[in-house]
Amino acid sequence: MSTSSLAGRSAIVTGGGTGIGAACATRLAADGVNVTICGRTESRLTEVANRIAASGAPGTVRTQVTDVTVESDVAALVADHVAAFGGLNGFVANAGGGGGMGPYHLLDTEEFVRVLHLNVLGTMLSVKHSVPHLVAAGGGSFVGMSSLAGHTTHVMFGAYCVAKAGIEEMMKNAADEFGEVKVRFNAVRPGFISTEIMEGIPRESEVYDSYIVNTPLGDVGEPEDVANLVRFLISDEARWITGTAINCDGGHHLRRGPDFTSFIEPHIGRDAMVARGPIGG
């Protein structure tokens, strides 16, 4: 694939210090994109930037500590990126995460809201502050990081499923709103990807097996698999693609989502889990 449509352009990748975000930054920089990666832990960002620089990638990578749920942080992220590179052509809203697993009637409300803020509010603020610069560049591409969980049930996943579905709807609406100024919005739906977060699922467990048995390709994806798709969506090769969500899951969406019941039930009991008895019943 030619790098001509990307060389010399610039992009921001949130959550760029680990996993999929780091892979996206690496892939874009390898094609000559000047990238700002952000996250909340400076040491992780520095490690990724140094690794990319050592690889000889033609693109420059700068870092900026940012909390995507804080509007002033996001505003500064975009402004400083534009000051450093002269404009903005792409944005990868990868920062997000889950937490607070369990049946809905037992979820902690503050934790539920925290997950929504991290995923949905963080993406909205990224859209809000990047759009004027994407328009000024003559158009661009915004990629929101959804998940298999955004459209396929994930039992006991709580707010995460709702948050990722929200990102997908946001991308659709933004694509409609900003199509006339040639800014594209798409979502990516990773499945089971080998990242630091997924290391928390024991390989010898019912939950892990529920991922593999429901994946037609019968394996676990790598961050680079998602990064390759993101690179395509950022590039001009995807100029006629907007307002959609693309699966990157080995075909997992064709079957059913994973079942985390075995993580939760031993701690609260079956009756409490389905709201017909006290916790521990």
Protein backbone atom coordinates (compact mmCIF):
# COMPACT_ATOMS: atom_id res chain seq x y z
CA MET A 1 0.00 0.00 0.00
CA SER A 2 1.44 3.38 -0.98
CA THR A 3 2.42 5.77 1.79
CA SER A 4 2.06 8.84 -0.41
CA SER A 5 -1.32 9.84 1.01
CA LEU A 6 0.03 9.86 4.56
CA ALA A 7 3.62 11.10 4.44
CA GLY A 8 3.92 14.52 6.05
CA ARG A 9 0.44 14.50 7.55
CA SER A 10 -0.27 14.59 11.27
CA ALA A 11 -2.57 12.75 13.67
CA ILE A 12 -3.39 12.47 17.35
CA VAL A 13 -3.78 9.08 19.06
CA THR A 14 -5.34 9.10 22.52
CA GLY A 15 -4.53 6.25 24.87
CA GLY A 16 -1.27 5.90 22.94
CA GLY A 17 0.87 4.56 25.75
CA THR A 18 -0.25 0.93 25.57
CA GLY A 19 -1.86 -1.76 23.44
CA ILE A 20 -3.91 -0.72 20.45
CA GLY A 21 -3.09 2.98 20.79
CA ALA A 22 0.66 2.34 20.77
CA ALA A 23 0.26 0.05 17.75
CA CYS A 24 -1.74 2.73 15.89
CA ALA A 25 0.93 5.35 16.56
CA THR A 26 3.65 2.95 15.43
CA ARG A 27 1.83 2.12 12.19
CA LEU A 28 1.09 5.74 11.34
CA ALA A 29 4.62 6.93 12.09
CA ALA A 30 5.98 4.14 9.88
CA ASP A 31 4.03 5.72 7.01
CA GLY A 32 5.45 9.16 7.65
CA VAL A 33 2.67 10.60 9.81
CA ASN A 34 3.70 13.02 12.56
CA VAL A 35 1.89 11.78 15.64
CA THR A 36 1.04 13.06 19.10
CA ILE A 37 0.27 10.29 21.56
CA CYS A 38 -1.43 11.09 24.82
CA GLY A 39 -2.40 9.32 28.00
CA ARG A 40 -2.30 9.78 31.74
CA THR A 41 1.07 8.09 32.42
CA GLU A 42 4.09 9.98 31.07
CA SER A 43 6.55 7.09 31.42
CA ARG A 44 4.48 4.84 29.15
CA LEU A 45 4.16 7.54 26.51
CA THR A 46 7.90 8.19 26.57
CA GLU A 47 8.65 4.50 26.21
CA VAL A 48 6.44 4.21 23.12
CA ALA A 49 7.85 7.38 21.54
CA ASN A 50 11.42 6.20 22.11
CA ARG A 51 10.67 2.79 20.65
CA ILE A 52 9.15 4.31 17.52
CA ALA A 53 12.09 6.70 17.10
CA ALA A 54 14.55 3.82 17.46
CA SER A 55 12.73 1.92 14.71
CA GLY A 56 13.74 4.57 12.18
CA ALA A 57 10.14 5.52 11.35
CA PRO A 58 9.99 8.66 9.20
CA GLY A 59 7.19 10.18 11.24
CA THR A 60 7.89 12.21 14.38
CA VAL A 61 6.18 11.22 17.62
CA ARG A 62 5.58 13.68 20.44
CA THR A 63 3.90 12.97 23.77
CA GLN A 64 1.47 14.88 25.96
CA VAL A 65 0.00 13.86 29.30
CA THR A 66 -3.76 14.19 28.92
CA ASP A 67 -6.94 13.12 30.69
CA VAL A 68 -9.53 12.92 27.91
CA THR A 69 -12.38 13.46 30.39
CA VAL A 70 -11.04 16.95 31.22
CA GLU A 71 -12.00 19.45 28.53
CA SER A 72 -9.09 21.82 29.17
CA ASP A 73 -6.68 18.89 28.74
CA VAL A 74 -8.21 17.92 25.39
CA ALA A 75 -8.25 21.52 24.18
CA ALA A 76 -4.56 21.88 25.06
CA LEU A 77 -3.74 18.53 23.41
CA VAL A 78 -5.17 19.63 20.08
CA ALA A 79 -3.81 23.19 20.26
CA ASP A 80 -0.29 22.02 21.13
CA HIS A 81 -0.34 19.40 18.38
CA VAL A 82 -1.34 21.99 15.79
CA ALA A 83 1.34 24.36 17.05
CA ALA A 84 3.95 21.62 16.75
CA PHE A 85 2.99 20.23 13.35
CA GLY A 86 1.11 23.05 11.64
CA GLY A 87 -2.24 21.30 11.36
CA LEU A 88 -4.27 18.17 12.02
CA ASN A 89 -5.33 15.54 9.47
CA GLY A 90 -6.42 12.60 11.59
CA PHE A 91 -7.61 11.74 15.07
CA VAL A 92 -7.74 8.29 16.66
CA ALA A 93 -9.93 8.40 19.79
CA ASN A 94 -8.60 5.24 21.36
CA ALA A 95 -8.60 6.19 25.06
CA GLY A 96 -11.20 4.20 26.96
CA GLY A 97 -11.74 1.23 29.20
CA GLY A 98 -14.16 -0.70 31.34
CA GLY A 99 -14.73 -1.56 34.96
CA GLY A 100 -17.49 -2.28 37.42
CA MET A 101 -18.50 -5.67 36.06
CA GLY A 102 -21.67 -7.37 37.22
CA PRO A 103 -25.46 -7.48 36.66
CA TYR A 104 -27.04 -4.07 36.23
CA HIS A 105 -29.05 -4.11 39.44
CA LEU A 106 -25.83 -4.46 41.45
CA LEU A 107 -23.60 -1.99 39.59
CA ASP A 108 -22.09 0.94 41.46
CA THR A 109 -23.60 4.09 39.97
CA GLU A 110 -20.46 6.23 40.26
CA GLU A 111 -18.40 3.54 38.55
CA PHE A 112 -20.98 3.28 35.77
CA VAL A 113 -20.76 7.01 35.15
CA ARG A 114 -16.94 6.92 35.27
CA VAL A 115 -16.84 4.39 32.44
CA LEU A 116 -19.31 6.42 30.38
CA HIS A 117 -17.23 9.55 30.89
CA LEU A 118 -13.97 7.85 29.96
CA ASN A 119 -15.36 6.43 26.73
CA VAL A 120 -18.22 8.62 25.55
CA LEU A 121 -17.36 12.01 27.02
CA GLY A 122 -13.69 11.54 26.17
CA THR A 123 -14.58 10.84 22.55
CA MET A 124 -17.05 13.73 22.37
CA LEU A 125 -14.45 16.20 23.67
CA SER A 126 -11.99 14.85 21.12
CA VAL A 127 -14.51 15.46 18.34
CA LYS A 128 -15.38 18.90 19.68
CA HIS A 129 -11.82 20.21 19.71
CA SER A 130 -10.44 18.44 16.64
CA VAL A 131 -13.17 19.16 14.09
CA PRO A 132 -12.30 22.83 13.41
CA HIS A 133 -8.71 21.85 12.65
CA LEU A 134 -9.70 18.91 10.47
CA VAL A 135 -11.94 21.27 8.50
CA ALA A 136 -9.12 23.83 8.24
CA ALA A 137 -6.90 21.13 6.77
CA GLY A 138 -9.40 20.63 3.96
CA GLY A 139 -10.97 17.53 5.49
CA GLY A 140 -9.70 14.60 7.50
CA SER A 141 -10.52 11.37 9.27
CA PHE A 142 -11.67 10.70 12.82
CA VAL A 143 -11.67 7.13 14.12
CA GLY A 144 -13.57 6.23 17.30
CA MET A 145 -12.52 3.04 19.06
CA SER A 146 -15.59 0.93 19.71
CA SER A 147 -15.55 -2.80 20.48
CA LEU A 148 -17.22 -6.09 19.75
CA ALA A 149 -19.05 -5.24 22.98
CA GLY A 150 -20.64 -2.21 21.33
CA HIS A 151 -23.04 -4.37 19.31
CA THR A 152 -22.78 -7.96 20.63
CA THR A 153 -23.90 -8.77 24.18
CA HIS A 154 -21.13 -9.21 26.76
CA VAL A 155 -22.78 -10.66 29.86
CA MET A 156 -21.71 -8.83 33.05
CA PHE A 157 -19.81 -6.09 31.17
CA GLY A 158 -22.01 -3.30 32.54
CA ALA A 159 -21.26 0.23 31.35
CA TYR A 160 -18.61 -0.77 28.79
CA CYS A 161 -21.16 -2.12 26.29
CA VAL A 162 -23.32 0.98 26.60
CA ALA A 163 -20.31 3.29 26.25
CA LYS A 164 -19.01 1.63 23.10
CA ALA A 165 -22.47 1.67 21.51
CA GLY A 166 -22.58 5.38 22.30
CA ILE A 167 -19.30 5.95 20.46
CA GLU A 168 -20.68 4.21 17.37
CA GLU A 169 -23.78 6.41 17.33
CA MET A 170 -21.63 9.49 17.81
CA MET A 171 -19.51 8.56 14.79
CA LYS A 172 -22.62 8.09 12.65
CA ASN A 173 -24.09 11.44 13.62
CA ALA A 174 -20.79 13.28 13.22
CA ALA A 175 -20.31 11.71 9.80
CA ASP A 176 -23.67 13.14 8.75
CA GLU A 177 -23.02 16.54 10.28
CA PHE A 178 -19.54 17.10 8.83
CA GLY A 179 -19.72 15.28 5.51
CA GLU A 180 -20.13 18.51 3.57
CA VAL A 181 -16.75 19.73 4.86
CA LYS A 182 -15.08 16.40 3.99
CA VAL A 183 -14.40 15.18 7.52
CA ARG A 184 -15.01 11.45 7.83
CA PHE A 185 -16.00 9.61 11.02
CA ASN A 186 -15.85 5.85 11.47
CA ALA A 187 -15.73 3.38 14.33
CA VAL A 188 -13.55 0.29 14.69
CA ARG A 189 -14.77 -2.76 16.60
CA PRO A 190 -11.86 -4.82 17.95
CA GLY A 191 -12.67 -8.25 19.30
CA PHE A 192 -10.41 -10.23 21.63
CA ILE A 193 -7.04 -8.52 21.15
CA SER A 194 -3.81 -9.47 22.93
CA THR A 195 -3.32 -6.34 25.06
CA GLU A 196 -2.32 -5.66 28.64
CA ILE A 197 -5.98 -5.47 29.69
CA MET A 198 -6.86 -8.86 28.24
CA GLU A 199 -3.93 -10.44 30.09
CA GLY A 200 -6.24 -10.40 33.11
CA ILE A 201 -8.26 -13.27 31.62
CA PRO A 202 -6.66 -16.62 32.58
CA ARG A 203 -5.90 -18.76 29.56
CA GLU A 204 -7.33 -21.81 31.30
CA SER A 205 -10.77 -20.41 32.06
CA GLU A 206 -14.36 -20.63 30.83
CA VAL A 207 -14.25 -16.96 29.88
CA TYR A 208 -11.18 -17.34 27.66
CA ASP A 209 -12.71 -20.43 26.05
CA SER A 210 -15.92 -18.51 25.38
CA TYR A 211 -13.92 -16.03 23.30
CA ILE A 212 -12.05 -18.63 21.27
CA VAL A 213 -14.96 -20.99 20.58
CA ASN A 214 -17.01 -18.06 19.25
CA THR A 215 -14.27 -16.78 16.93
CA PRO A 216 -14.37 -18.43 13.48
CA LEU A 217 -10.65 -17.79 12.93
CA GLY A 218 -10.05 -19.52 16.27
CA ASP A 219 -7.38 -17.28 17.73
CA VAL A 220 -6.65 -13.97 19.44
CA GLY A 221 -5.98 -10.78 17.47
CA GLU A 222 -2.93 -8.57 17.85
CA PRO A 223 -2.88 -4.77 18.32
CA GLU A 224 -1.24 -4.50 14.90
CA ASP A 225 -4.34 -6.04 13.30
CA VAL A 226 -6.41 -3.10 14.56
CA ALA A 227 -3.68 -0.59 13.71
CA ASN A 228 -3.65 -1.70 10.08
CA LEU A 229 -7.38 -0.99 9.82
CA VAL A 230 -7.02 2.38 11.53
CA ARG A 231 -4.20 3.33 9.16
CA PHE A 232 -6.49 2.55 6.22
CA LEU A 233 -9.33 4.66 7.62
CA ILE A 234 -7.00 7.61 8.22
CA SER A 235 -5.66 7.42 4.67
CA ASP A 236 -7.07 8.67 1.37
CA GLU A 237 -7.66 5.05 0.35
CA ALA A 238 -10.73 5.25 2.60
CA ARG A 239 -11.95 8.57 1.18
CA TRP A 240 -15.41 7.16 0.39
CA ILE A 241 -15.96 5.47 3.76
CA THR A 242 -17.73 7.36 6.52
CA GLY A 243 -20.39 6.79 9.15
CA THR A 244 -19.73 3.09 9.55
CA ALA A 245 -18.38 0.64 12.13
CA ILE A 246 -15.94 -2.04 10.97
CA ASN A 247 -15.36 -5.30 12.80
CA CYS A 248 -11.79 -6.42 13.48
CA ASP A 249 -12.51 -9.55 15.48
CA GLY A 250 -11.69 -12.71 13.56
CA GLY A 251 -15.39 -13.13 12.79
CA HIS A 252 -16.48 -13.15 16.44
CA HIS A 253 -19.49 -10.93 15.64
CA LEU A 254 -20.98 -13.83 13.65
CA ARG A 255 -21.59 -15.83 16.83
CA ARG A 256 -22.08 -14.63 20.39
CA GLY A 257 -20.16 -12.57 22.87
CA PRO A 258 -18.08 -13.91 25.77
CA ASP A 259 -19.72 -14.90 29.04
CA PHE A 260 -18.17 -13.50 32.23
CA THR A 261 -20.72 -15.20 34.50
CA SER A 262 -18.05 -17.53 35.89
CA PHE A 263 -16.13 -14.48 37.16
CA ILE A 264 -19.12 -13.06 39.04
CA GLU A 265 -21.38 -15.91 40.17
CA PRO A 266 -18.99 -17.49 42.72
CA HIS A 267 -18.86 -14.20 44.63
CA ILE A 268 -22.56 -13.34 44.80
CA GLY A 269 -24.51 -16.51 44.07
CA ARG A 270 -26.87 -17.33 41.22
CA ASP A 271 -30.05 -16.00 42.82
CA ALA A 272 -28.54 -12.61 43.62
CA MET A 273 -27.07 -12.40 40.13
CA VAL A 274 -30.53 -12.62 38.54
CA ALA A 275 -32.17 -10.39 41.19
CA ARG A 276 -34.18 -13.04 43.01
CA GLY A 277 -32.24 -13.34 46.24
CA PRO A 278 -29.73 -11.66 48.54
CA ILE A 279 -26.06 -11.33 47.64
CA GLY A 280 -24.29 -14.51 48.66
CA GLY A 281 -27.51 -16.57 48.44
